[in-house]
């Protein structure tokens, strides 16, 4: 299913650049966009699977990964009145955002961000570790980095988990955003944890 979907990474900062590299390394076609235009996006060291795009073109994708500052999310959401049929992946964190507690008003950051994308299935993922760690390349015998996936929409969660697999990660779906997803909100239990799935042969040896 994932091969038929159109992906986009929005944001060319550290997280966006790392994700674009990951898509490139695994030959997963994706659009890469920012607010300044495709002419500002350097893909000379990436594979042909990465296409610099306008923001409008990127937002036409089926799966849109938000790799932008937390405070810019609502501004992006306002660019369209209806996000039906889209999967929006929230890779942002409100950690260290000034006045974040007042902004969130008791809501989880992903619940707050989801309000900006009416009709979309919002998924929390790619946020629980530093960008430099997402860029890590490990020999197969040392296992795959675990990436947690949370959504109130089980089908969207499964889709993003499939994408994680395509990108060489080991996804673990942890349920709804207000349940297991709480654990990957900034400062909580699964944030900044270095977890890996061992190859099956290693797992058998350890038993």
N, C-alpha and C. Protein backbone atom coordinates (compact mmCIF):
# COMPACT_ATOMS: atom_id res chain seq x y z
N UNK A 1 0.83 -1.21 0.00
CA UNK A 1 0.00 0.00 0.00
C UNK A 1 0.86 1.26 0.00
N UNK A 2 1.96 1.25 0.82
CA UNK A 2 2.76 2.46 0.97
C UNK A 2 3.36 2.93 -0.34
N UNK A 3 3.65 1.99 -1.26
CA UNK A 3 4.25 2.38 -2.51
C UNK A 3 3.36 3.21 -3.39
N UNK A 4 2.05 3.12 -3.19
CA UNK A 4 1.11 3.87 -4.01
C UNK A 4 0.85 5.26 -3.47
N UNK A 5 1.32 5.54 -2.28
CA UNK A 5 1.06 6.82 -1.65
C UNK A 5 2.10 7.86 -2.05
N UNK A 6 1.67 9.12 -1.99
CA UNK A 6 2.56 10.24 -2.29
C UNK A 6 2.97 10.88 -0.96
N UNK A 7 4.28 10.97 -0.74
CA UNK A 7 4.79 11.49 0.52
C UNK A 7 5.39 12.88 0.34
N UNK A 8 5.37 13.64 1.43
CA UNK A 8 6.01 14.96 1.44
C UNK A 8 6.59 15.23 2.80
N UNK A 9 7.77 15.82 2.82
CA UNK A 9 8.38 16.33 4.04
C UNK A 9 8.34 17.85 3.94
N UNK A 10 7.72 18.49 4.93
CA UNK A 10 7.64 19.95 4.95
C UNK A 10 8.57 20.45 6.03
N UNK A 11 9.57 21.19 5.61
CA UNK A 11 10.59 21.70 6.52
C UNK A 11 11.96 21.26 6.09
N UNK A 12 12.91 22.20 6.08
CA UNK A 12 14.28 21.88 5.64
C UNK A 12 15.30 22.15 6.73
N UNK A 13 14.84 22.19 7.98
CA UNK A 13 15.74 22.30 9.11
C UNK A 13 16.37 20.95 9.40
N UNK A 14 16.86 20.77 10.63
CA UNK A 14 17.61 19.55 10.96
C UNK A 14 16.77 18.29 10.80
N UNK A 15 15.54 18.30 11.30
CA UNK A 15 14.70 17.10 11.21
C UNK A 15 14.30 16.84 9.76
N UNK A 16 13.88 17.88 9.06
CA UNK A 16 13.49 17.72 7.66
C UNK A 16 14.62 17.21 6.81
N UNK A 17 15.84 17.72 7.04
CA UNK A 17 17.00 17.29 6.26
C UNK A 17 17.33 15.83 6.54
N UNK A 18 17.24 15.42 7.80
CA UNK A 18 17.53 14.03 8.14
C UNK A 18 16.50 13.10 7.52
N UNK A 19 15.23 13.48 7.57
CA UNK A 19 14.19 12.64 6.98
C UNK A 19 14.36 12.56 5.46
N UNK A 20 14.67 13.69 4.83
CA UNK A 20 14.91 13.67 3.39
C UNK A 20 16.06 12.73 3.04
N UNK A 21 17.10 12.75 3.86
CA UNK A 21 18.22 11.84 3.63
C UNK A 21 17.79 10.39 3.79
N UNK A 22 16.94 10.14 4.76
CA UNK A 22 16.47 8.77 5.00
C UNK A 22 15.61 8.29 3.81
N UNK A 23 14.71 9.14 3.34
CA UNK A 23 13.92 8.80 2.15
C UNK A 23 14.85 8.54 0.97
N UNK A 24 15.86 9.38 0.84
CA UNK A 24 16.82 9.25 -0.27
C UNK A 24 17.58 7.94 -0.19
N UNK A 25 18.11 7.63 0.99
CA UNK A 25 18.92 6.41 1.15
C UNK A 25 18.13 5.15 0.86
N UNK A 26 16.82 5.19 1.15
CA UNK A 26 15.98 4.01 0.95
C UNK A 26 15.15 4.08 -0.33
N UNK A 27 15.45 5.08 -1.16
CA UNK A 27 14.83 5.20 -2.48
C UNK A 27 13.29 5.25 -2.39
N UNK A 28 12.80 5.97 -1.40
CA UNK A 28 11.36 6.17 -1.26
C UNK A 28 11.02 7.55 -1.83
N UNK A 29 10.31 7.62 -2.95
CA UNK A 29 10.03 8.91 -3.58
C UNK A 29 9.26 9.85 -2.64
N UNK A 30 9.72 11.09 -2.56
CA UNK A 30 9.02 12.07 -1.73
C UNK A 30 9.29 13.47 -2.23
N UNK A 31 8.35 14.35 -1.92
CA UNK A 31 8.51 15.78 -2.19
C UNK A 31 9.10 16.43 -0.95
N UNK A 32 9.93 17.43 -1.16
CA UNK A 32 10.56 18.13 -0.02
C UNK A 32 10.32 19.62 -0.23
N UNK A 33 9.72 20.26 0.78
CA UNK A 33 9.30 21.65 0.59
C UNK A 33 9.57 22.49 1.84
N UNK A 34 9.63 23.78 1.61
CA UNK A 34 9.65 24.76 2.70
C UNK A 34 8.85 25.98 2.25
N UNK A 35 8.85 27.03 3.04
CA UNK A 35 8.06 28.21 2.68
C UNK A 35 8.80 29.15 1.74
N UNK A 36 10.07 28.87 1.46
CA UNK A 36 10.88 29.77 0.65
C UNK A 36 10.98 29.37 -0.81
N UNK A 37 10.50 28.18 -1.15
CA UNK A 37 10.49 27.76 -2.53
C UNK A 37 11.52 26.69 -2.84
N UNK A 38 11.24 25.87 -3.86
CA UNK A 38 12.12 24.74 -4.19
C UNK A 38 13.52 25.15 -4.61
N UNK A 39 13.68 26.37 -5.09
CA UNK A 39 15.01 26.83 -5.51
C UNK A 39 15.96 26.96 -4.34
N UNK A 40 15.44 26.96 -3.12
CA UNK A 40 16.30 27.09 -1.93
C UNK A 40 16.69 25.73 -1.34
N UNK A 41 16.23 24.66 -1.95
CA UNK A 41 16.44 23.32 -1.40
C UNK A 41 17.54 22.61 -2.18
N UNK A 42 18.62 22.27 -1.49
CA UNK A 42 19.78 21.63 -2.13
C UNK A 42 19.65 20.11 -2.02
N UNK A 43 19.52 19.47 -3.16
CA UNK A 43 19.40 18.00 -3.17
C UNK A 43 20.55 17.35 -3.92
N UNK A 44 21.64 18.09 -4.08
CA UNK A 44 22.75 17.58 -4.89
C UNK A 44 23.36 16.30 -4.31
N UNK A 45 23.27 16.12 -2.99
CA UNK A 45 23.84 14.93 -2.37
C UNK A 45 22.79 13.86 -2.11
N UNK A 46 21.59 14.06 -2.61
CA UNK A 46 20.51 13.10 -2.41
C UNK A 46 20.19 12.37 -3.71
N UNK A 47 19.48 11.27 -3.59
CA UNK A 47 19.12 10.50 -4.77
C UNK A 47 17.97 11.16 -5.51
N UNK A 48 17.69 10.65 -6.70
CA UNK A 48 16.62 11.21 -7.53
C UNK A 48 15.24 10.96 -6.93
N UNK A 49 15.16 10.20 -5.85
CA UNK A 49 13.86 9.97 -5.22
C UNK A 49 13.34 11.20 -4.49
N UNK A 50 14.21 12.20 -4.25
CA UNK A 50 13.82 13.42 -3.54
C UNK A 50 13.61 14.54 -4.55
N UNK A 51 12.42 15.13 -4.53
CA UNK A 51 12.08 16.20 -5.47
C UNK A 51 11.76 17.48 -4.72
N UNK A 52 12.55 18.54 -4.89
CA UNK A 52 12.19 19.82 -4.30
C UNK A 52 10.85 20.28 -4.87
N UNK A 53 9.99 20.81 -4.03
CA UNK A 53 8.64 21.15 -4.48
C UNK A 53 8.16 22.44 -3.84
N UNK A 54 7.16 23.03 -4.44
CA UNK A 54 6.51 24.16 -3.80
C UNK A 54 5.71 23.64 -2.60
N UNK A 55 5.41 24.53 -1.70
CA UNK A 55 4.63 24.12 -0.53
C UNK A 55 3.27 23.60 -0.95
N UNK A 56 2.63 24.27 -1.90
CA UNK A 56 1.30 23.82 -2.35
C UNK A 56 1.37 22.41 -2.91
N UNK A 57 2.39 22.12 -3.70
CA UNK A 57 2.53 20.77 -4.27
C UNK A 57 2.73 19.75 -3.17
N UNK A 58 3.55 20.08 -2.18
CA UNK A 58 3.80 19.15 -1.08
C UNK A 58 2.53 18.86 -0.30
N UNK A 59 1.70 19.88 -0.12
CA UNK A 59 0.48 19.69 0.66
C UNK A 59 -0.59 18.92 -0.10
N UNK A 60 -0.35 18.64 -1.37
CA UNK A 60 -1.24 17.76 -2.14
C UNK A 60 -0.92 16.29 -1.91
N UNK A 61 0.19 16.00 -1.21
CA UNK A 61 0.58 14.61 -0.96
C UNK A 61 -0.42 13.91 -0.05
N UNK A 62 -0.36 12.60 -0.05
CA UNK A 62 -1.25 11.81 0.81
C UNK A 62 -0.78 11.80 2.26
N UNK A 63 0.54 11.73 2.43
CA UNK A 63 1.15 11.69 3.77
C UNK A 63 2.11 12.87 3.88
N UNK A 64 1.84 13.77 4.82
CA UNK A 64 2.61 15.00 4.96
C UNK A 64 3.29 14.99 6.32
N UNK A 65 4.61 15.01 6.33
CA UNK A 65 5.36 15.00 7.58
C UNK A 65 5.73 16.44 7.94
N UNK A 66 5.30 16.88 9.11
CA UNK A 66 5.58 18.23 9.57
C UNK A 66 6.92 18.26 10.30
N UNK A 67 7.94 18.78 9.65
CA UNK A 67 9.27 18.91 10.25
C UNK A 67 9.58 20.40 10.38
N UNK A 68 8.66 21.10 11.01
CA UNK A 68 8.74 22.55 11.16
C UNK A 68 8.64 22.89 12.65
N UNK A 69 8.99 24.12 13.02
CA UNK A 69 8.86 24.49 14.44
C UNK A 69 7.40 24.39 14.91
N UNK A 70 7.24 24.00 16.16
CA UNK A 70 5.90 23.84 16.73
C UNK A 70 5.03 25.07 16.51
N UNK A 71 5.58 26.25 16.70
CA UNK A 71 4.79 27.48 16.60
C UNK A 71 4.39 27.82 15.17
N UNK A 72 4.92 27.11 14.19
CA UNK A 72 4.57 27.35 12.79
C UNK A 72 3.46 26.41 12.29
N UNK A 73 3.10 25.43 13.12
CA UNK A 73 2.15 24.41 12.66
C UNK A 73 0.80 25.00 12.35
N UNK A 74 0.26 25.83 13.22
CA UNK A 74 -1.08 26.37 12.99
C UNK A 74 -1.11 27.29 11.77
N UNK A 75 -0.04 28.00 11.55
CA UNK A 75 0.06 28.85 10.36
C UNK A 75 -0.05 28.00 9.10
N UNK A 76 0.62 26.86 9.10
CA UNK A 76 0.53 25.95 7.95
C UNK A 76 -0.89 25.40 7.81
N UNK A 77 -1.50 25.02 8.92
CA UNK A 77 -2.84 24.47 8.87
C UNK A 77 -3.85 25.43 8.25
N UNK A 78 -3.63 26.72 8.42
CA UNK A 78 -4.57 27.72 7.90
C UNK A 78 -4.51 27.86 6.38
N UNK A 79 -3.50 27.26 5.75
CA UNK A 79 -3.39 27.39 4.30
C UNK A 79 -4.49 26.64 3.56
N UNK A 80 -5.18 25.72 4.26
CA UNK A 80 -6.29 24.99 3.67
C UNK A 80 -7.41 24.87 4.69
N UNK A 81 -8.63 24.87 4.20
CA UNK A 81 -9.77 24.78 5.12
C UNK A 81 -10.19 23.34 5.36
N UNK A 82 -9.78 22.43 4.50
CA UNK A 82 -10.20 21.03 4.62
C UNK A 82 -9.02 20.13 4.30
N UNK A 83 -8.66 19.27 5.25
CA UNK A 83 -7.55 18.36 5.08
C UNK A 83 -8.02 16.91 4.97
N UNK A 84 -9.26 16.73 4.59
CA UNK A 84 -9.82 15.38 4.50
C UNK A 84 -9.02 14.51 3.54
N UNK A 85 -8.82 13.27 3.93
CA UNK A 85 -8.08 12.32 3.10
C UNK A 85 -6.59 12.36 3.30
N UNK A 86 -6.09 13.33 4.08
CA UNK A 86 -4.65 13.45 4.32
C UNK A 86 -4.25 12.76 5.62
N UNK A 87 -3.04 12.24 5.63
CA UNK A 87 -2.40 11.83 6.87
C UNK A 87 -1.33 12.87 7.17
N UNK A 88 -1.47 13.53 8.31
CA UNK A 88 -0.51 14.55 8.72
C UNK A 88 0.30 13.98 9.87
N UNK A 89 1.60 13.87 9.67
CA UNK A 89 2.49 13.30 10.68
C UNK A 89 3.13 14.44 11.47
N UNK A 90 2.84 14.48 12.75
CA UNK A 90 3.36 15.52 13.63
C UNK A 90 4.69 15.06 14.20
N UNK A 91 5.77 15.62 13.68
CA UNK A 91 7.11 15.31 14.17
C UNK A 91 7.64 16.43 15.06
N UNK A 92 6.74 17.32 15.49
CA UNK A 92 7.15 18.48 16.28
C UNK A 92 7.05 18.20 17.77
N UNK A 93 7.65 19.09 18.55
CA UNK A 93 7.55 19.05 20.00
C UNK A 93 7.36 20.46 20.54
N UNK A 94 6.61 20.58 21.62
CA UNK A 94 6.45 21.88 22.26
C UNK A 94 7.51 22.11 23.33
N UNK A 95 8.40 21.16 23.50
CA UNK A 95 9.46 21.28 24.50
C UNK A 95 10.29 22.53 24.25
N UNK A 96 10.53 23.31 25.28
CA UNK A 96 11.31 24.55 25.24
C UNK A 96 10.61 25.70 24.51
N UNK A 97 9.36 25.49 24.08
CA UNK A 97 8.60 26.59 23.47
C UNK A 97 8.15 27.53 24.59
N UNK A 98 8.45 28.82 24.48
CA UNK A 98 8.03 29.75 25.54
C UNK A 98 6.51 29.71 25.75
N UNK A 99 6.10 29.72 27.00
CA UNK A 99 4.68 29.74 27.36
C UNK A 99 3.90 28.54 26.80
N UNK A 100 4.57 27.42 26.64
CA UNK A 100 3.90 26.27 26.03
C UNK A 100 2.71 25.80 26.87
N UNK A 101 2.82 25.85 28.18
CA UNK A 101 1.71 25.39 29.02
C UNK A 101 0.47 26.25 28.81
N UNK A 102 0.66 27.55 28.67
CA UNK A 102 -0.47 28.43 28.40
C UNK A 102 -1.04 28.20 27.01
N UNK A 103 -0.16 27.96 26.05
CA UNK A 103 -0.61 27.72 24.67
C UNK A 103 -1.44 26.44 24.60
N UNK A 104 -0.97 25.39 25.23
CA UNK A 104 -1.63 24.09 25.13
C UNK A 104 -2.90 24.01 25.97
N UNK A 105 -2.94 24.76 27.04
CA UNK A 105 -4.15 24.75 27.87
C UNK A 105 -4.55 23.38 28.36
N UNK A 106 -3.56 22.58 28.74
CA UNK A 106 -3.84 21.25 29.26
C UNK A 106 -3.92 20.15 28.21
N UNK A 107 -3.89 20.53 26.93
CA UNK A 107 -3.92 19.53 25.87
C UNK A 107 -2.52 19.01 25.57
N UNK A 108 -2.45 17.81 25.01
CA UNK A 108 -1.19 17.33 24.47
C UNK A 108 -0.85 18.14 23.23
N UNK A 109 0.43 18.28 22.94
CA UNK A 109 0.83 19.12 21.80
C UNK A 109 0.25 18.60 20.49
N UNK A 110 0.16 17.29 20.34
CA UNK A 110 -0.40 16.74 19.10
C UNK A 110 -1.90 16.98 19.01
N UNK A 111 -2.59 16.93 20.14
CA UNK A 111 -4.02 17.27 20.13
C UNK A 111 -4.21 18.73 19.72
N UNK A 112 -3.36 19.59 20.23
CA UNK A 112 -3.40 21.00 19.87
C UNK A 112 -3.15 21.19 18.37
N UNK A 113 -2.11 20.53 17.86
CA UNK A 113 -1.79 20.66 16.44
C UNK A 113 -2.88 20.08 15.55
N UNK A 114 -3.51 19.01 15.99
CA UNK A 114 -4.54 18.35 15.17
C UNK A 114 -5.70 19.28 14.88
N UNK A 115 -5.96 20.22 15.77
CA UNK A 115 -7.06 21.16 15.56
C UNK A 115 -6.85 22.01 14.31
N UNK A 116 -5.59 22.14 13.88
CA UNK A 116 -5.28 22.97 12.72
C UNK A 116 -5.49 22.26 11.40
N UNK A 117 -5.82 20.95 11.45
CA UNK A 117 -5.95 20.16 10.22
C UNK A 117 -7.29 19.43 10.20
N UNK A 118 -8.38 20.18 10.09
CA UNK A 118 -9.71 19.54 10.11
C UNK A 118 -9.86 18.52 8.99
N UNK A 119 -10.31 17.34 9.36
CA UNK A 119 -10.53 16.27 8.39
C UNK A 119 -9.36 15.32 8.24
N UNK A 120 -8.18 15.74 8.67
CA UNK A 120 -6.98 14.89 8.51
C UNK A 120 -6.90 13.83 9.59
N UNK A 121 -6.21 12.74 9.27
CA UNK A 121 -5.82 11.76 10.28
C UNK A 121 -4.43 12.17 10.75
N UNK A 122 -4.31 12.53 12.01
CA UNK A 122 -3.03 13.03 12.54
C UNK A 122 -2.31 11.90 13.27
N UNK A 123 -1.03 11.77 12.96
CA UNK A 123 -0.18 10.71 13.53
C UNK A 123 1.01 11.37 14.20
N UNK A 124 1.35 10.91 15.39
CA UNK A 124 2.56 11.39 16.07
C UNK A 124 3.67 10.39 15.82
N UNK A 125 4.79 10.87 15.27
CA UNK A 125 5.92 9.98 15.02
C UNK A 125 7.16 10.81 14.66
N UNK A 126 8.31 10.17 14.63
CA UNK A 126 9.60 10.76 14.26
C UNK A 126 10.03 11.88 15.21
N UNK A 127 9.42 11.97 16.38
CA UNK A 127 9.73 13.08 17.27
C UNK A 127 10.47 12.70 18.53
N UNK A 128 10.58 11.38 18.82
CA UNK A 128 11.01 11.02 20.16
C UNK A 128 12.53 10.97 20.34
N UNK A 129 13.27 11.24 19.27
CA UNK A 129 14.72 11.22 19.40
C UNK A 129 15.32 12.39 18.64
N UNK A 130 16.55 12.71 18.96
CA UNK A 130 17.22 13.83 18.31
C UNK A 130 17.43 13.55 16.82
N UNK A 131 17.43 14.61 16.03
CA UNK A 131 17.60 14.45 14.59
C UNK A 131 18.87 13.71 14.24
N UNK A 132 19.94 13.98 14.98
CA UNK A 132 21.21 13.30 14.70
C UNK A 132 21.08 11.79 14.87
N UNK A 133 20.23 11.36 15.78
CA UNK A 133 20.03 9.93 15.99
C UNK A 133 19.21 9.32 14.86
N UNK A 134 18.25 10.08 14.34
CA UNK A 134 17.47 9.58 13.20
C UNK A 134 18.37 9.36 11.99
N UNK A 135 19.45 10.13 11.92
CA UNK A 135 20.36 10.03 10.78
C UNK A 135 21.32 8.85 10.88
N UNK A 136 21.34 8.23 12.05
CA UNK A 136 22.30 7.16 12.30
C UNK A 136 22.16 6.00 11.32
N UNK A 137 23.30 5.52 10.84
CA UNK A 137 23.32 4.33 9.99
C UNK A 137 24.01 3.21 10.76
N UNK A 138 23.28 2.12 10.97
CA UNK A 138 23.81 1.01 11.75
C UNK A 138 23.97 -0.21 10.87
N UNK A 139 25.04 -0.98 11.08
CA UNK A 139 25.16 -2.26 10.37
C UNK A 139 23.96 -3.13 10.72
N UNK A 140 23.43 -3.90 9.79
CA UNK A 140 22.23 -4.71 10.03
C UNK A 140 22.32 -5.59 11.27
N UNK A 141 23.52 -6.09 11.58
CA UNK A 141 23.63 -6.99 12.72
C UNK A 141 23.42 -6.29 14.06
N UNK A 142 23.46 -4.94 14.06
CA UNK A 142 23.24 -4.20 15.30
C UNK A 142 21.78 -3.77 15.47
N UNK A 143 20.94 -4.14 14.53
CA UNK A 143 19.51 -3.88 14.68
C UNK A 143 19.04 -2.56 14.10
N UNK A 144 17.73 -2.36 14.18
CA UNK A 144 17.09 -1.17 13.63
C UNK A 144 16.57 -0.28 14.75
N UNK A 145 16.67 1.03 14.53
CA UNK A 145 16.15 1.98 15.52
C UNK A 145 14.63 1.87 15.61
N UNK A 146 14.14 1.84 16.82
CA UNK A 146 12.70 1.80 17.06
C UNK A 146 12.12 3.21 16.89
N UNK A 147 11.03 3.29 16.14
CA UNK A 147 10.28 4.53 15.99
C UNK A 147 8.85 4.26 16.46
N UNK A 148 8.37 5.08 17.37
CA UNK A 148 7.02 4.91 17.88
C UNK A 148 6.01 5.67 17.02
N UNK A 149 4.83 5.08 16.89
CA UNK A 149 3.77 5.64 16.05
C UNK A 149 2.48 5.65 16.86
N UNK A 150 1.82 6.81 16.90
CA UNK A 150 0.57 6.94 17.65
C UNK A 150 -0.44 7.74 16.85
N UNK A 151 -1.69 7.28 16.88
CA UNK A 151 -2.76 8.00 16.19
C UNK A 151 -4.11 7.52 16.71
N UNK A 152 -5.08 8.40 16.64
CA UNK A 152 -6.46 8.00 16.95
C UNK A 152 -7.09 7.26 15.78
N UNK A 153 -6.41 7.24 14.65
CA UNK A 153 -6.88 6.56 13.44
C UNK A 153 -5.98 5.35 13.20
N UNK A 154 -6.49 4.15 13.44
CA UNK A 154 -5.65 2.95 13.36
C UNK A 154 -5.11 2.71 11.95
N UNK A 155 -5.90 3.04 10.93
CA UNK A 155 -5.43 2.84 9.56
C UNK A 155 -4.27 3.78 9.23
N UNK A 156 -4.38 5.03 9.68
CA UNK A 156 -3.30 5.99 9.46
C UNK A 156 -2.05 5.58 10.21
N UNK A 157 -2.23 5.07 11.43
CA UNK A 157 -1.10 4.58 12.21
C UNK A 157 -0.39 3.45 11.48
N UNK A 158 -1.15 2.52 10.94
CA UNK A 158 -0.57 1.39 10.20
C UNK A 158 0.17 1.87 8.96
N UNK A 159 -0.38 2.88 8.29
CA UNK A 159 0.28 3.42 7.10
C UNK A 159 1.63 4.02 7.43
N UNK A 160 1.68 4.81 8.50
CA UNK A 160 2.94 5.45 8.89
C UNK A 160 3.92 4.40 9.42
N UNK A 161 3.42 3.38 10.10
CA UNK A 161 4.30 2.29 10.53
C UNK A 161 4.92 1.60 9.32
N UNK A 162 4.12 1.41 8.28
CA UNK A 162 4.65 0.83 7.05
C UNK A 162 5.72 1.70 6.42
N UNK A 163 5.52 3.01 6.46
CA UNK A 163 6.53 3.94 5.95
C UNK A 163 7.81 3.83 6.77
N UNK A 164 7.68 3.76 8.09
CA UNK A 164 8.85 3.60 8.94
C UNK A 164 9.66 2.36 8.54
N UNK A 165 8.96 1.28 8.27
CA UNK A 165 9.63 0.06 7.83
C UNK A 165 10.37 0.29 6.52
N UNK A 166 9.71 0.97 5.58
CA UNK A 166 10.33 1.27 4.29
C UNK A 166 11.59 2.12 4.45
N UNK A 167 11.63 2.94 5.51
CA UNK A 167 12.77 3.83 5.75
C UNK A 167 13.85 3.17 6.60
N UNK A 168 13.68 1.88 6.89
CA UNK A 168 14.70 1.15 7.61
C UNK A 168 14.61 1.21 9.12
N UNK A 169 13.47 1.69 9.63
CA UNK A 169 13.26 1.72 11.07
C UNK A 169 12.44 0.51 11.51
N UNK A 170 12.32 0.33 12.82
CA UNK A 170 11.47 -0.71 13.40
C UNK A 170 10.31 -0.01 14.12
N UNK A 171 9.15 0.08 13.49
CA UNK A 171 8.04 0.81 14.10
C UNK A 171 7.34 0.02 15.19
N UNK A 172 6.87 0.73 16.21
CA UNK A 172 6.01 0.15 17.23
C UNK A 172 4.80 1.07 17.36
N UNK A 173 3.63 0.55 17.06
CA UNK A 173 2.40 1.32 17.21
C UNK A 173 1.97 1.27 18.67
N UNK A 174 1.70 2.43 19.24
CA UNK A 174 1.39 2.49 20.68
C UNK A 174 -0.01 3.04 20.95
N UNK A 175 -0.88 2.99 19.95
CA UNK A 175 -2.28 3.31 20.18
C UNK A 175 -2.63 4.78 20.05
N UNK A 176 -3.72 5.13 20.68
CA UNK A 176 -4.26 6.48 20.57
C UNK A 176 -3.31 7.53 21.15
N UNK A 177 -3.48 8.75 20.67
CA UNK A 177 -2.62 9.85 21.11
C UNK A 177 -2.80 10.12 22.60
N UNK A 178 -4.04 9.99 23.10
CA UNK A 178 -4.29 10.27 24.51
C UNK A 178 -4.05 9.05 25.40
N UNK A 179 -3.57 7.97 24.82
CA UNK A 179 -3.24 6.77 25.60
C UNK A 179 -1.73 6.51 25.46
N UNK A 180 -1.33 5.54 24.64
CA UNK A 180 0.09 5.28 24.47
C UNK A 180 0.84 6.48 23.92
N UNK A 181 0.16 7.30 23.12
CA UNK A 181 0.81 8.46 22.52
C UNK A 181 1.31 9.48 23.51
N UNK A 182 0.75 9.46 24.72
CA UNK A 182 1.21 10.38 25.76
C UNK A 182 2.70 10.14 26.05
N UNK A 183 3.14 8.91 25.89
CA UNK A 183 4.51 8.55 26.22
C UNK A 183 5.54 9.17 25.29
N UNK A 184 5.12 9.61 24.08
CA UNK A 184 6.08 10.22 23.16
C UNK A 184 5.86 11.72 23.01
N UNK A 185 5.07 12.31 23.89
CA UNK A 185 5.03 13.76 23.97
C UNK A 185 6.28 14.20 24.73
N UNK A 186 6.83 15.35 24.35
CA UNK A 186 8.09 15.80 24.93
C UNK A 186 8.09 15.76 26.45
N UNK A 187 9.19 15.30 27.00
CA UNK A 187 9.49 15.13 28.42
C UNK A 187 8.99 13.80 28.97
N UNK A 188 8.17 13.07 28.21
CA UNK A 188 7.58 11.86 28.77
C UNK A 188 8.45 10.62 28.53
N UNK A 189 7.95 9.45 28.96
CA UNK A 189 8.79 8.28 29.21
C UNK A 189 9.58 7.76 28.02
N UNK A 190 9.03 7.83 26.80
CA UNK A 190 9.72 7.24 25.66
C UNK A 190 10.50 8.25 24.83
N UNK A 191 10.56 9.48 25.28
CA UNK A 191 11.31 10.52 24.56
C UNK A 191 12.79 10.43 24.92
N UNK A 192 13.64 10.51 23.90
CA UNK A 192 15.10 10.44 24.03
C UNK A 192 15.58 9.09 24.57
N UNK A 193 14.82 8.04 24.28
CA UNK A 193 15.27 6.69 24.62
C UNK A 193 15.94 6.06 23.39
N UNK A 194 17.04 5.39 23.60
CA UNK A 194 17.76 4.74 22.52
C UNK A 194 17.35 3.27 22.48
N UNK A 195 16.37 2.95 21.65
CA UNK A 195 15.83 1.59 21.60
C UNK A 195 16.03 1.01 20.20
N UNK A 196 16.39 -0.28 20.16
CA UNK A 196 16.65 -0.95 18.89
C UNK A 196 15.99 -2.32 18.87
N UNK A 197 15.54 -2.71 17.69
CA UNK A 197 15.02 -4.05 17.47
C UNK A 197 16.17 -4.90 16.94
N UNK A 198 16.49 -5.97 17.67
CA UNK A 198 17.58 -6.83 17.25
C UNK A 198 17.17 -7.72 16.08
N UNK A 199 18.10 -8.10 15.23
CA UNK A 199 17.79 -9.05 14.16
C UNK A 199 17.27 -10.34 14.77
N UNK A 200 16.42 -11.04 14.06
CA UNK A 200 15.78 -12.23 14.60
C UNK A 200 16.79 -13.30 15.03
N UNK A 201 17.89 -13.44 14.29
CA UNK A 201 18.86 -14.46 14.66
C UNK A 201 19.54 -14.11 15.98
N UNK A 202 19.75 -12.81 16.24
CA UNK A 202 20.32 -12.40 17.50
C UNK A 202 19.34 -12.63 18.63
N UNK A 203 18.07 -12.37 18.36
CA UNK A 203 17.05 -12.59 19.37
C UNK A 203 17.00 -14.04 19.79
N UNK A 204 17.13 -14.95 18.82
CA UNK A 204 17.10 -16.39 19.15
C UNK A 204 18.32 -16.77 19.99
N UNK A 205 19.47 -16.15 19.68
CA UNK A 205 20.69 -16.47 20.42
C UNK A 205 20.59 -16.04 21.87
N UNK A 206 19.86 -14.92 22.11
CA UNK A 206 19.77 -14.38 23.46
C UNK A 206 18.77 -15.11 24.32
N UNK A 207 17.91 -15.94 23.74
CA UNK A 207 16.87 -16.62 24.52
C UNK A 207 17.46 -17.78 25.33
